Amino acid sequence: MSLYLRQVEREIAEGNPTINSRRLGQLLGLSDSQVRRDLGWFGQFGYRGIGYRCQELVDRIREILGTGRPWPVALVGCGHLGQALLGYAGFSRQGFAVRAAFDRDPQLIGQHIRGIRISDFSEFPEIVGREGIELAILAVPADQAETTAAQIAGSGVTGILNFAPTLLNLPGPVTVSNVDLTIELEQLAFAVVQHRGKR
């Protein structure tokens, strides 16, 4: 659904008010029947003879993904990766507003990066409660990830996007999405090797 959302948003930006399943499938490398199946899983979207009204489809997909409202986000870990994430404009475009950033390094605490003050991680529960933050991005070293994530979860955050190169095992109702850039590169390298072998 996220891929559909991005593509339909591009169509709107290009001035296209509608798109049909065949065109949407071609743009994403899918069959038109796959597009209809995927979207049909969540209800009726299209109009006979028209296809999909782009803005209406964007609104419905955002509703399905839960991004129809703004999400305040906390970033934990303000090293090189964390600072790069603070500078990523795509978060705010998609409704995710980084409201607070945290670290344990005294040299970073108090600094402002991209207009956001870095707070001491000891202040996490208070600031998260005050800002109504439910989502956190974790960008700390692997050996700190498990304990830091447990503290984040204990403060009421219910979703963690984990950039630490380790899988997190958290008890309770916390949803974790792991992003390991090395694994992504390994998968890419594997796909390239397989492609070469087929030539």
Foldseek 3Di string as FASTA:
>chain_A
DVLLLVVLVVCVVVPHQADALCVSCVVVVHHSVVSCVVVPVVHDAADPPTHHGSVSVNCVVCVVVVQNEAAEEEEEDCDPVNLVVLVDPVCVVSRYHDAAYEYQDPVQAQDARPNHGYHHCVCVLVVCVVVVHQEYEYDDEPVCPAVSVQVNVVSRHAEYEYAHQDDYDYDDRHHYHYDDPVVVVVVVVVVVVVVVVVD
